[in-house]
Amino acid sequence: MSNTPITTLESARLILRPFTQSDFEPMAAFFADPVSAFYGGPCNREEAWRKFAVYSGHWLLRGYGPWALQEKSTGAFVGLSGLWYPEGWAEPEITWALVPGAHGKGYATEGARRALLAAYQDFGWTTAVSVVSVHNRASQAVALRLGATLERDISYRHGPAHLYRHAGLHALLADAA
């Protein structure tokens, strides 16, 4: 187990912070929505709670994990993004998901870009992937906006997926400049 504190990060419009109890209601709404099919839903509140609690537990066990995404301007919780490597996963991943009403604003790309930068600079990763359902066109577009390339197709717990390989730190920094 790790005692790594959950750091708080910022991007232009977002705060990436530890999850709080108040984030559960919007996450329960996310897991009740059909869009969550790519993330293991839809499901009831009890199952949503278990999925929600895993995010904080991931930090404890791995020393890294997903952050809650909060709009700087309003303080609203809009989703999650971060570092993800559950048991049985191919390799460490950059993940993202937005709650209903937060789509189409660029938050997934912004949050994932900041998480990817942290993976390389703060956690010593040298490579990262994102596993995206073959049916999730919006997340495929996010992966491509992040500069990832489609490496191969895989099977994962929620069905067939594309495995995208993210560019390294130097390419990420050059893209941001």
C-alpha atoms as a PDB file:
ATOM      1  CA  MET A   1       0.000   0.000   0.000  1.00  0.00           C
ATOM      2  CA  SER A   2       1.018   3.566  -0.601  1.00  0.00           C
ATOM      3  CA  ASN A   3       0.748   6.600   1.605  1.00  0.00           C
ATOM      4  CA  THR A   4       1.122   8.904  -1.375  1.00  0.00           C
ATOM      5  CA  PRO A   5      -1.027  11.972  -0.790  1.00  0.00           C
ATOM      6  CA  ILE A   6      -3.473  12.769  -3.552  1.00  0.00           C
ATOM      7  CA  THR A   7      -2.035  15.853  -5.175  1.00  0.00           C
ATOM      8  CA  THR A   8      -4.153  18.662  -6.562  1.00  0.00           C
ATOM      9  CA  LEU A   9      -3.325  19.854 -10.056  1.00  0.00           C
ATOM     10  CA  GLU A  10      -4.631  22.615 -12.306  1.00  0.00           C
ATOM     11  CA  SER A  11      -5.116  23.225 -15.983  1.00  0.00           C
ATOM     12  CA  ALA A  12      -6.449  26.338 -17.686  1.00  0.00           C
ATOM     13  CA  ARG A  13     -10.097  25.711 -16.729  1.00  0.00           C
ATOM     14  CA  LEU A  14      -9.993  22.763 -14.359  1.00  0.00           C
ATOM     15  CA  ILE A  15      -8.860  21.730 -10.910  1.00  0.00           C
ATOM     16  CA  LEU A  16      -7.878  18.064 -10.670  1.00  0.00           C
ATOM     17  CA  ARG A  17      -8.427  17.171  -7.018  1.00  0.00           C
ATOM     18  CA  PRO A  18      -9.218  14.264  -4.690  1.00  0.00           C
ATOM     19  CA  PHE A  19     -12.793  12.988  -4.755  1.00  0.00           C
ATOM     20  CA  THR A  20     -15.177  14.069  -2.004  1.00  0.00           C
ATOM     21  CA  GLN A  21     -18.491  12.701  -0.772  1.00  0.00           C
ATOM     22  CA  SER A  22     -20.304  15.501  -2.629  1.00  0.00           C
ATOM     23  CA  ASP A  23     -19.011  14.125  -5.946  1.00  0.00           C
ATOM     24  CA  PHE A  24     -21.084  10.973  -5.506  1.00  0.00           C
ATOM     25  CA  GLU A  25     -24.428  12.406  -6.681  1.00  0.00           C
ATOM     26  CA  PRO A  26     -23.115  13.504 -10.093  1.00  0.00           C
ATOM     27  CA  MET A  27     -21.191  10.217 -10.413  1.00  0.00           C
ATOM     28  CA  ALA A  28     -24.357   8.261  -9.550  1.00  0.00           C
ATOM     29  CA  ALA A  29     -26.111  10.211 -12.317  1.00  0.00           C
ATOM     30  CA  PHE A  30     -23.232   9.327 -14.664  1.00  0.00           C
ATOM     31  CA  PHE A  31     -23.470   5.628 -13.811  1.00  0.00           C
ATOM     32  CA  ALA A  32     -27.251   5.687 -14.306  1.00  0.00           C
ATOM     33  CA  ASP A  33     -26.867   7.213 -17.796  1.00  0.00           C
ATOM     34  CA  PRO A  34     -26.444   4.991 -20.886  1.00  0.00           C
ATOM     35  CA  VAL A  35     -23.220   6.869 -21.729  1.00  0.00           C
ATOM     36  CA  SER A  36     -21.621   5.000 -18.800  1.00  0.00           C
ATOM     37  CA  ALA A  37     -21.820   1.737 -20.769  1.00  0.00           C
ATOM     38  CA  PHE A  38     -18.236   2.415 -21.836  1.00  0.00           C
ATOM     39  CA  TYR A  39     -17.280   2.686 -18.145  1.00  0.00           C
ATOM     40  CA  GLY A  40     -19.098  -0.354 -16.748  1.00  0.00           C
ATOM     41  CA  GLY A  41     -22.618   1.059 -16.415  1.00  0.00           C
ATOM     42  CA  PRO A  42     -25.413   1.735 -16.402  1.00  0.00           C
ATOM     43  CA  CYS A  43     -25.951   0.572 -12.846  1.00  0.00           C
ATOM     44  CA  ASN A  44     -27.916   1.309  -9.689  1.00  0.00           C
ATOM     45  CA  ARG A  45     -26.778   3.589  -6.851  1.00  0.00           C
ATOM     46  CA  GLU A  46     -25.280   0.770  -4.788  1.00  0.00           C
ATOM     47  CA  GLU A  47     -23.071  -0.396  -7.643  1.00  0.00           C
ATOM     48  CA  ALA A  48     -22.298   3.238  -8.520  1.00  0.00           C
ATOM     49  CA  TRP A  49     -21.069   3.732  -4.945  1.00  0.00           C
ATOM     50  CA  ARG A  50     -18.704   0.767  -5.252  1.00  0.00           C
ATOM     51  CA  LYS A  51     -17.347   2.069  -8.565  1.00  0.00           C
ATOM     52  CA  PHE A  52     -16.988   5.560  -7.076  1.00  0.00           C
ATOM     53  CA  ALA A  53     -15.118   4.300  -3.986  1.00  0.00           C
ATOM     54  CA  VAL A  54     -12.604   2.469  -6.180  1.00  0.00           C
ATOM     55  CA  TYR A  55     -11.139   5.788  -7.356  1.00  0.00           C
ATOM     56  CA  SER A  56      -9.915   6.738  -3.876  1.00  0.00           C
ATOM     57  CA  GLY A  57      -8.862   3.153  -3.174  1.00  0.00           C
ATOM     58  CA  HIS A  58      -6.769   3.108  -6.349  1.00  0.00           C
ATOM     59  CA  TRP A  59      -4.704   5.984  -4.946  1.00  0.00           C
ATOM     60  CA  LEU A  60      -4.139   4.103  -1.701  1.00  0.00           C
ATOM     61  CA  LEU A  61      -3.072   0.877  -3.384  1.00  0.00           C
ATOM     62  CA  ARG A  62      -1.140   2.145  -6.414  1.00  0.00           C
ATOM     63  CA  GLY A  63       0.061   5.567  -5.263  1.00  0.00           C
ATOM     64  CA  TYR A  64      -1.723   7.237  -8.175  1.00  0.00           C
ATOM     65  CA  GLY A  65      -5.208   7.263  -9.606  1.00  0.00           C
ATOM     66  CA  PRO A  66      -7.998   9.343 -11.099  1.00  0.00           C
ATOM     67  CA  TRP A  67      -8.746  12.881 -10.017  1.00  0.00           C
ATOM     68  CA  ALA A  68     -12.107  14.588  -9.734  1.00  0.00           C
ATOM     69  CA  LEU A  69     -12.460  17.333 -12.352  1.00  0.00           C
ATOM     70  CA  GLN A  70     -13.843  20.630 -11.095  1.00  0.00           C
ATOM     71  CA  GLU A  71     -14.544  23.736 -13.168  1.00  0.00           C
ATOM     72  CA  LYS A  72     -12.490  26.638 -11.861  1.00  0.00           C
ATOM     73  CA  SER A  73     -15.084  29.229 -12.819  1.00  0.00           C
ATOM     74  CA  THR A  74     -18.113  27.617 -11.151  1.00  0.00           C
ATOM     75  CA  GLY A  75     -16.732  25.001  -8.770  1.00  0.00           C
ATOM     76  CA  ALA A  76     -18.933  22.389 -10.478  1.00  0.00           C
ATOM     77  CA  PHE A  77     -17.832  18.766 -10.533  1.00  0.00           C
ATOM     78  CA  VAL A  78     -17.670  17.716 -14.213  1.00  0.00           C
ATOM     79  CA  GLY A  79     -16.097  14.262 -14.217  1.00  0.00           C
ATOM     80  CA  LEU A  80     -12.828  12.475 -13.722  1.00  0.00           C
ATOM     81  CA  SER A  81      -9.491  11.983 -15.365  1.00  0.00           C
ATOM     82  CA  GLY A  82      -6.299  10.371 -14.275  1.00  0.00           C
ATOM     83  CA  LEU A  83      -4.038   7.412 -13.963  1.00  0.00           C
ATOM     84  CA  TRP A  84      -5.617   3.974 -13.979  1.00  0.00           C
ATOM     85  CA  TYR A  85      -4.172   0.497 -13.647  1.00  0.00           C
ATOM     86  CA  PRO A  86      -6.593  -2.015 -12.138  1.00  0.00           C
ATOM     87  CA  GLU A  87      -5.762  -5.679 -11.772  1.00  0.00           C
ATOM     88  CA  GLY A  88      -5.867  -7.462 -15.115  1.00  0.00           C
ATOM     89  CA  TRP A  89      -5.351  -4.301 -17.180  1.00  0.00           C
ATOM     90  CA  ALA A  90      -2.883  -4.419 -20.077  1.00  0.00           C
ATOM     91  CA  GLU A  91      -0.720  -1.593 -18.703  1.00  0.00           C
ATOM     92  CA  PRO A  92      -1.074   1.795 -16.977  1.00  0.00           C
ATOM     93  CA  GLU A  93      -3.695   3.960 -18.614  1.00  0.00           C
ATOM     94  CA  ILE A  94      -4.864   7.544 -18.864  1.00  0.00           C
ATOM     95  CA  THR A  95      -8.620   7.534 -18.281  1.00  0.00           C
ATOM     96  CA  TRP A  96     -11.418  10.090 -18.445  1.00  0.00           C
ATOM     97  CA  ALA A  97     -15.182  10.335 -18.093  1.00  0.00           C
ATOM     98  CA  LEU A  98     -17.559  13.274 -17.919  1.00  0.00           C
ATOM     99  CA  VAL A  99     -20.859  13.568 -16.088  1.00  0.00           C
ATOM    100  CA  PRO A 100     -24.048  14.364 -18.025  1.00  0.00           C
ATOM    101  CA  GLY A 101     -24.082  18.012 -19.072  1.00  0.00           C
ATOM    102  CA  ALA A 102     -20.289  18.381 -19.209  1.00  0.00           C
ATOM    103  CA  HIS A 103     -19.754  16.949 -22.693  1.00  0.00           C
ATOM    104  CA  GLY A 104     -18.633  18.988 -25.685  1.00  0.00           C
ATOM    105  CA  LYS A 105     -16.626  21.585 -23.744  1.00  0.00           C
ATOM    106  CA  GLY A 106     -13.157  20.098 -24.113  1.00  0.00           C
ATOM    107  CA  TYR A 107     -12.914  19.073 -20.451  1.00  0.00           C
ATOM    108  CA  ALA A 108     -12.020  15.444 -21.198  1.00  0.00           C
ATOM    109  CA  THR A 109      -9.089  16.468 -23.391  1.00  0.00           C
ATOM    110  CA  GLU A 110      -7.925  19.167 -20.974  1.00  0.00           C
ATOM    111  CA  GLY A 111      -8.131  16.931 -17.916  1.00  0.00           C
ATOM    112  CA  ALA A 112      -6.511  13.966 -19.641  1.00  0.00           C
ATOM    113  CA  ARG A 113      -3.683  16.130 -21.000  1.00  0.00           C
ATOM    114  CA  ARG A 114      -2.936  17.390 -17.480  1.00  0.00           C
ATOM    115  CA  ALA A 115      -3.111  13.843 -16.078  1.00  0.00           C
ATOM    116  CA  LEU A 116      -0.770  12.578 -18.800  1.00  0.00           C
ATOM    117  CA  LEU A 117       1.714  15.332 -18.012  1.00  0.00           C
ATOM    118  CA  ALA A 118       1.578  14.349 -14.318  1.00  0.00           C
ATOM    119  CA  ALA A 119       2.090  10.678 -15.233  1.00  0.00           C
ATOM    120  CA  TYR A 120       5.338  11.554 -16.964  1.00  0.00           C
ATOM    121  CA  GLN A 121       6.647  14.362 -14.777  1.00  0.00           C
ATOM    122  CA  ASP A 122       5.403  13.439 -11.306  1.00  0.00           C
ATOM    123  CA  PHE A 123       4.990   9.655 -11.372  1.00  0.00           C
ATOM    124  CA  GLY A 124       7.876   8.629 -13.637  1.00  0.00           C
ATOM    125  CA  TRP A 125       5.851   6.920 -16.351  1.00  0.00           C
ATOM    126  CA  THR A 126       7.675   6.544 -19.655  1.00  0.00           C
ATOM    127  CA  THR A 127       4.649   5.427 -21.648  1.00  0.00           C
ATOM    128  CA  ALA A 128       0.878   5.372 -21.294  1.00  0.00           C
ATOM    129  CA  VAL A 129      -2.131   4.022 -23.131  1.00  0.00           C
ATOM    130  CA  SER A 130      -5.849   4.657 -23.184  1.00  0.00           C
ATOM    131  CA  VAL A 131      -8.336   1.852 -23.681  1.00  0.00           C
ATOM    132  CA  VAL A 132     -11.368   3.146 -25.588  1.00  0.00           C
ATOM    133  CA  SER A 133     -14.446   1.191 -26.632  1.00  0.00           C
ATOM    134  CA  VAL A 134     -14.728   0.697 -30.376  1.00  0.00           C
ATOM    135  CA  HIS A 135     -18.200   2.273 -30.056  1.00  0.00           C
ATOM    136  CA  ASN A 136     -17.119   5.396 -28.126  1.00  0.00           C
ATOM    137  CA  ARG A 137     -16.415   7.896 -30.898  1.00  0.00           C
ATOM    138  CA  ALA A 138     -16.158  10.865 -28.517  1.00  0.00           C
ATOM    139  CA  SER A 139     -13.370   9.258 -26.469  1.00  0.00           C
ATOM    140  CA  GLN A 140     -11.608   8.102 -29.613  1.00  0.00           C
ATOM    141  CA  ALA A 141     -11.524  11.760 -30.667  1.00  0.00           C
ATOM    142  CA  VAL A 142     -10.107  12.737 -27.264  1.00  0.00           C
ATOM    143  CA  ALA A 143      -7.308  10.176 -27.617  1.00  0.00           C
ATOM    144  CA  LEU A 144      -6.431  11.546 -31.048  1.00  0.00           C
ATOM    145  CA  ARG A 145      -6.516  15.170 -29.799  1.00  0.00           C
ATOM    146  CA  LEU A 146      -4.038  14.099 -27.124  1.00  0.00           C
ATOM    147  CA  GLY A 147      -1.685  12.910 -29.861  1.00  0.00           C
ATOM    148  CA  ALA A 148      -2.206   9.199 -29.187  1.00  0.00           C
ATOM    149  CA  THR A 149      -2.023   6.693 -32.003  1.00  0.00           C
ATOM    150  CA  LEU A 150      -4.131   3.597 -32.446  1.00  0.00           C
ATOM    151  CA  GLU A 151      -1.830   0.698 -31.637  1.00  0.00           C
ATOM    152  CA  ARG A 152      -4.137  -2.324 -31.756  1.00  0.00           C
ATOM    153  CA  ASP A 153      -7.561  -3.712 -30.974  1.00  0.00           C
ATOM    154  CA  ILE A 154      -8.060  -5.596 -27.709  1.00  0.00           C
ATOM    155  CA  SER A 155     -10.777  -7.219 -25.669  1.00  0.00           C
ATOM    156  CA  TYR A 156     -11.424  -5.697 -22.280  1.00  0.00           C
ATOM    157  CA  ARG A 157     -14.014  -6.183 -19.582  1.00  0.00           C
ATOM    158  CA  HIS A 158     -16.627  -3.990 -21.299  1.00  0.00           C
ATOM    159  CA  GLY A 159     -16.186  -5.360 -24.818  1.00  0.00           C
ATOM    160  CA  PRO A 160     -13.968  -4.735 -27.835  1.00  0.00           C
ATOM    161  CA  ALA A 161     -11.700  -1.712 -27.604  1.00  0.00           C
ATOM    162  CA  HIS A 162      -8.946   0.219 -29.257  1.00  0.00           C
ATOM    163  CA  LEU A 163      -5.674   0.590 -27.383  1.00  0.00           C
ATOM    164  CA  TYR A 164      -4.213   4.033 -28.066  1.00  0.00           C
ATOM    165  CA  ARG A 165      -0.537   4.742 -27.297  1.00  0.00           C
ATOM    166  CA  HIS A 166       0.160   8.254 -26.015  1.00  0.00           C
ATOM    167  CA  ALA A 167       3.080  10.320 -27.200  1.00  0.00           C
ATOM    168  CA  GLY A 168       6.015  10.699 -24.843  1.00  0.00           C
ATOM    169  CA  LEU A 169       6.744  13.663 -22.619  1.00  0.00           C
ATOM    170  CA  HIS A 170       8.778  15.602 -25.190  1.00  0.00           C
ATOM    171  CA  ALA A 171       6.017  15.380 -27.793  1.00  0.00           C
ATOM    172  CA  LEU A 172       3.416  16.338 -25.198  1.00  0.00           C
ATOM    173  CA  LEU A 173       5.400  19.416 -24.169  1.00  0.00           C
ATOM    174  CA  ALA A 174       6.060  20.399 -27.780  1.00  0.00           C
ATOM    175  CA  ASP A 175       2.354  20.086 -28.559  1.00  0.00           C
ATOM    176  CA  ALA A 176       1.496  22.341 -25.607  1.00  0.00           C
ATOM    177  CA  ALA A 177       3.956  25.046 -26.684  1.00  0.00           C
END
